[in-house]
Amino acid sequence: MKVKYTRHQVPRGTRPDAEVMGKIYLIKKVSILRATYQVRLLAFKAVDERKRLVLKVPKTCQFHPSLKALIRLTGSTIKREEI
């Protein structure tokens, strides 16, 4: 994966909502979820640590094409669960 930096080239950090039994959880209550910097950083962490990133979103949530591309890039690392 290619790591992207912020506007001033300073890498920022993010924390997941939970880490349990080899899974990293990110809970979002949105109608459309994009591959934001937060999602990309957690996906990188999941790939690096050989864990799964679980996106807990509402049933009606749509994944933006950028997130779909990230899911294809990371293989089976990112998983969707409904709230």
N, C-alpha and C. Protein backbone atom coordinates (compact mmCIF):
# COMPACT_ATOMS: atom_id res chain seq x y z
N MET A 1 0.83 -1.19 0.00
CA MET A 1 0.00 0.00 0.00
C MET A 1 0.87 1.24 0.00
N LYS A 2 0.39 2.26 -0.67
CA LYS A 2 1.10 3.52 -0.71
C LYS A 2 0.56 4.44 0.37
N VAL A 3 1.42 4.93 1.24
CA VAL A 3 1.01 5.82 2.32
C VAL A 3 0.97 7.24 1.79
N LYS A 4 -0.14 7.95 2.03
CA LYS A 4 -0.26 9.34 1.61
C LYS A 4 -0.11 10.23 2.83
N TYR A 5 0.43 11.42 2.61
CA TYR A 5 0.64 12.37 3.68
C TYR A 5 -0.35 13.53 3.57
N THR A 6 -0.43 14.29 4.64
CA THR A 6 -1.30 15.46 4.65
C THR A 6 -0.68 16.58 3.84
N ARG A 7 -1.36 17.71 3.78
CA ARG A 7 -0.93 18.83 2.95
C ARG A 7 0.49 19.29 3.29
N HIS A 8 0.87 19.25 4.54
CA HIS A 8 2.20 19.70 4.94
C HIS A 8 3.18 18.54 5.09
N GLN A 9 2.85 17.38 4.54
CA GLN A 9 3.70 16.20 4.58
C GLN A 9 3.99 15.72 5.99
N VAL A 10 3.03 15.85 6.88
CA VAL A 10 3.16 15.39 8.25
C VAL A 10 2.19 14.23 8.44
N PRO A 11 2.70 13.01 8.66
CA PRO A 11 1.78 11.89 8.85
C PRO A 11 1.01 12.05 10.14
N ARG A 12 -0.26 11.77 10.08
CA ARG A 12 -1.12 11.86 11.26
C ARG A 12 -1.50 10.45 11.69
N GLY A 13 -1.95 10.32 12.90
CA GLY A 13 -2.34 9.02 13.41
C GLY A 13 -3.85 8.95 13.62
N THR A 14 -4.33 7.76 13.81
CA THR A 14 -5.74 7.54 14.09
C THR A 14 -5.87 6.33 15.00
N ARG A 15 -6.95 6.28 15.72
CA ARG A 15 -7.21 5.13 16.59
C ARG A 15 -8.52 4.49 16.18
N PRO A 16 -8.56 3.18 16.23
CA PRO A 16 -9.83 2.51 15.93
C PRO A 16 -10.78 2.64 17.12
N ASP A 17 -12.04 2.32 16.90
CA ASP A 17 -13.00 2.34 18.00
C ASP A 17 -12.76 1.18 18.95
N ALA A 18 -12.24 0.06 18.43
CA ALA A 18 -11.92 -1.09 19.28
C ALA A 18 -10.94 -2.01 18.55
N GLU A 19 -10.18 -2.77 19.33
CA GLU A 19 -9.31 -3.82 18.81
C GLU A 19 -9.53 -5.05 19.66
N VAL A 20 -10.08 -6.10 19.03
CA VAL A 20 -10.42 -7.32 19.75
C VAL A 20 -10.07 -8.53 18.90
N MET A 21 -9.32 -9.46 19.49
CA MET A 21 -9.07 -10.77 18.87
C MET A 21 -8.66 -10.69 17.39
N GLY A 22 -7.67 -9.90 17.08
CA GLY A 22 -7.17 -9.82 15.71
C GLY A 22 -8.04 -9.03 14.76
N LYS A 23 -8.97 -8.24 15.29
CA LYS A 23 -9.84 -7.40 14.46
C LYS A 23 -9.74 -5.96 14.94
N ILE A 24 -9.75 -5.06 13.97
CA ILE A 24 -9.76 -3.63 14.24
C ILE A 24 -11.13 -3.12 13.82
N TYR A 25 -11.86 -2.50 14.75
CA TYR A 25 -13.22 -2.03 14.47
C TYR A 25 -13.25 -0.52 14.27
N LEU A 26 -13.97 -0.11 13.24
CA LEU A 26 -14.27 1.30 12.99
C LEU A 26 -15.77 1.40 12.81
N ILE A 27 -16.42 2.18 13.68
CA ILE A 27 -17.87 2.30 13.65
C ILE A 27 -18.23 3.67 13.07
N LYS A 28 -19.04 3.65 12.02
CA LYS A 28 -19.47 4.89 11.36
C LYS A 28 -20.97 4.82 11.11
N LYS A 29 -21.67 5.91 11.40
CA LYS A 29 -23.10 5.99 11.12
C LYS A 29 -23.29 7.04 10.03
N VAL A 30 -23.04 6.61 8.80
CA VAL A 30 -23.09 7.51 7.64
C VAL A 30 -23.89 6.85 6.53
N SER A 31 -24.32 7.66 5.56
CA SER A 31 -25.05 7.11 4.42
C SER A 31 -24.10 6.70 3.30
N ILE A 32 -22.97 7.40 3.19
CA ILE A 32 -21.94 7.06 2.20
C ILE A 32 -20.59 7.08 2.91
N LEU A 33 -19.83 6.00 2.76
CA LEU A 33 -18.50 5.92 3.39
C LEU A 33 -17.44 5.95 2.30
N ARG A 34 -16.54 6.89 2.43
CA ARG A 34 -15.43 7.05 1.47
C ARG A 34 -14.15 6.49 2.07
N ALA A 35 -13.14 6.35 1.24
CA ALA A 35 -11.83 5.91 1.71
C ALA A 35 -11.11 7.14 2.26
N THR A 36 -11.51 7.58 3.43
CA THR A 36 -10.92 8.75 4.05
C THR A 36 -9.51 8.42 4.55
N TYR A 37 -8.81 9.45 4.99
CA TYR A 37 -7.47 9.24 5.52
C TYR A 37 -7.51 8.29 6.71
N GLN A 38 -8.54 8.42 7.55
CA GLN A 38 -8.70 7.55 8.71
C GLN A 38 -8.86 6.09 8.28
N VAL A 39 -9.71 5.85 7.31
CA VAL A 39 -9.95 4.48 6.83
C VAL A 39 -8.69 3.91 6.20
N ARG A 40 -7.99 4.73 5.40
CA ARG A 40 -6.76 4.25 4.75
C ARG A 40 -5.68 3.92 5.77
N LEU A 41 -5.53 4.77 6.80
CA LEU A 41 -4.52 4.48 7.84
C LEU A 41 -4.84 3.20 8.60
N LEU A 42 -6.11 3.00 8.94
CA LEU A 42 -6.48 1.78 9.66
C LEU A 42 -6.34 0.55 8.76
N ALA A 43 -6.61 0.70 7.47
CA ALA A 43 -6.41 -0.41 6.54
C ALA A 43 -4.93 -0.75 6.45
N PHE A 44 -4.07 0.26 6.40
CA PHE A 44 -2.63 0.03 6.37
C PHE A 44 -2.19 -0.69 7.64
N LYS A 45 -2.71 -0.25 8.80
CA LYS A 45 -2.37 -0.89 10.07
C LYS A 45 -2.82 -2.34 10.08
N ALA A 46 -4.02 -2.61 9.56
CA ALA A 46 -4.53 -3.98 9.52
C ALA A 46 -3.67 -4.87 8.63
N VAL A 47 -3.28 -4.36 7.49
CA VAL A 47 -2.42 -5.14 6.58
C VAL A 47 -1.07 -5.38 7.22
N ASP A 48 -0.51 -4.33 7.82
CA ASP A 48 0.81 -4.42 8.44
C ASP A 48 0.84 -5.40 9.60
N GLU A 49 -0.23 -5.42 10.41
CA GLU A 49 -0.28 -6.30 11.58
C GLU A 49 -1.00 -7.62 11.31
N ARG A 50 -1.37 -7.84 10.07
CA ARG A 50 -2.10 -9.06 9.66
C ARG A 50 -3.38 -9.26 10.47
N LYS A 51 -4.15 -8.19 10.55
CA LYS A 51 -5.43 -8.21 11.23
C LYS A 51 -6.53 -7.89 10.21
N ARG A 52 -7.77 -7.92 10.67
CA ARG A 52 -8.90 -7.54 9.82
C ARG A 52 -9.43 -6.19 10.26
N LEU A 53 -9.78 -5.36 9.31
CA LEU A 53 -10.45 -4.10 9.59
C LEU A 53 -11.94 -4.33 9.37
N VAL A 54 -12.72 -4.16 10.43
CA VAL A 54 -14.17 -4.36 10.35
C VAL A 54 -14.84 -3.00 10.37
N LEU A 55 -15.56 -2.69 9.29
CA LEU A 55 -16.30 -1.44 9.19
C LEU A 55 -17.73 -1.70 9.61
N LYS A 56 -18.13 -1.19 10.76
CA LYS A 56 -19.50 -1.36 11.24
C LYS A 56 -20.30 -0.14 10.80
N VAL A 57 -21.20 -0.37 9.84
CA VAL A 57 -21.99 0.71 9.24
C VAL A 57 -23.46 0.30 9.18
N PRO A 58 -24.37 1.27 9.02
CA PRO A 58 -25.79 0.93 8.87
C PRO A 58 -26.03 0.10 7.60
N LYS A 59 -27.11 -0.60 7.59
CA LYS A 59 -27.46 -1.45 6.45
C LYS A 59 -27.60 -0.64 5.16
N THR A 60 -28.06 0.59 5.29
CA THR A 60 -28.29 1.43 4.11
C THR A 60 -27.05 2.17 3.63
N CYS A 61 -25.94 2.02 4.30
CA CYS A 61 -24.71 2.72 3.94
C CYS A 61 -24.17 2.22 2.60
N GLN A 62 -23.83 3.16 1.73
CA GLN A 62 -23.23 2.85 0.44
C GLN A 62 -21.73 3.09 0.52
N PHE A 63 -20.96 2.25 -0.14
CA PHE A 63 -19.52 2.44 -0.20
C PHE A 63 -19.18 3.24 -1.46
N HIS A 64 -18.43 4.30 -1.29
CA HIS A 64 -17.96 5.14 -2.39
C HIS A 64 -16.99 4.33 -3.26
N PRO A 65 -16.90 4.65 -4.55
CA PRO A 65 -15.94 3.92 -5.40
C PRO A 65 -14.51 3.94 -4.89
N SER A 66 -14.10 5.00 -4.20
CA SER A 66 -12.73 5.03 -3.65
C SER A 66 -12.55 3.96 -2.58
N LEU A 67 -13.58 3.72 -1.77
CA LEU A 67 -13.50 2.67 -0.75
C LEU A 67 -13.56 1.29 -1.38
N LYS A 68 -14.36 1.14 -2.41
CA LYS A 68 -14.42 -0.15 -3.11
C LYS A 68 -13.06 -0.49 -3.71
N ALA A 69 -12.38 0.52 -4.24
CA ALA A 69 -11.04 0.29 -4.80
C ALA A 69 -10.05 -0.11 -3.71
N LEU A 70 -10.15 0.52 -2.54
CA LEU A 70 -9.28 0.16 -1.41
C LEU A 70 -9.54 -1.27 -0.96
N ILE A 71 -10.80 -1.67 -0.94
CA ILE A 71 -11.14 -3.04 -0.55
C ILE A 71 -10.55 -4.04 -1.54
N ARG A 72 -10.64 -3.72 -2.83
CA ARG A 72 -10.03 -4.61 -3.85
C ARG A 72 -8.52 -4.67 -3.67
N LEU A 73 -7.90 -3.54 -3.33
CA LEU A 73 -6.45 -3.47 -3.17
C LEU A 73 -5.96 -4.29 -1.97
N THR A 74 -6.71 -4.28 -0.88
CA THR A 74 -6.28 -4.96 0.33
C THR A 74 -6.75 -6.40 0.43
N GLY A 75 -7.52 -6.86 -0.52
CA GLY A 75 -7.98 -8.26 -0.51
C GLY A 75 -9.03 -8.49 0.55
N SER A 76 -8.84 -9.47 1.39
CA SER A 76 -9.84 -9.84 2.40
C SER A 76 -9.59 -9.15 3.74
N THR A 77 -8.79 -8.11 3.76
CA THR A 77 -8.47 -7.42 5.01
C THR A 77 -9.64 -6.62 5.54
N ILE A 78 -10.42 -5.98 4.66
CA ILE A 78 -11.52 -5.12 5.08
C ILE A 78 -12.84 -5.89 4.96
N LYS A 79 -13.61 -5.85 6.04
CA LYS A 79 -14.89 -6.57 6.10
C LYS A 79 -15.97 -5.60 6.56
N ARG A 80 -17.18 -5.79 6.06
CA ARG A 80 -18.32 -4.95 6.43
C ARG A 80 -19.24 -5.69 7.39
N GLU A 81 -19.65 -5.02 8.44
CA GLU A 81 -20.66 -5.54 9.35
C GLU A 81 -21.72 -4.49 9.52
N GLU A 82 -22.96 -4.92 9.70
CA GLU A 82 -24.06 -3.98 9.87
C GLU A 82 -24.30 -3.71 11.34
N ILE A 83 -24.67 -2.46 11.63
CA ILE A 83 -24.98 -2.06 13.00
C ILE A 83 -26.36 -2.57 13.35
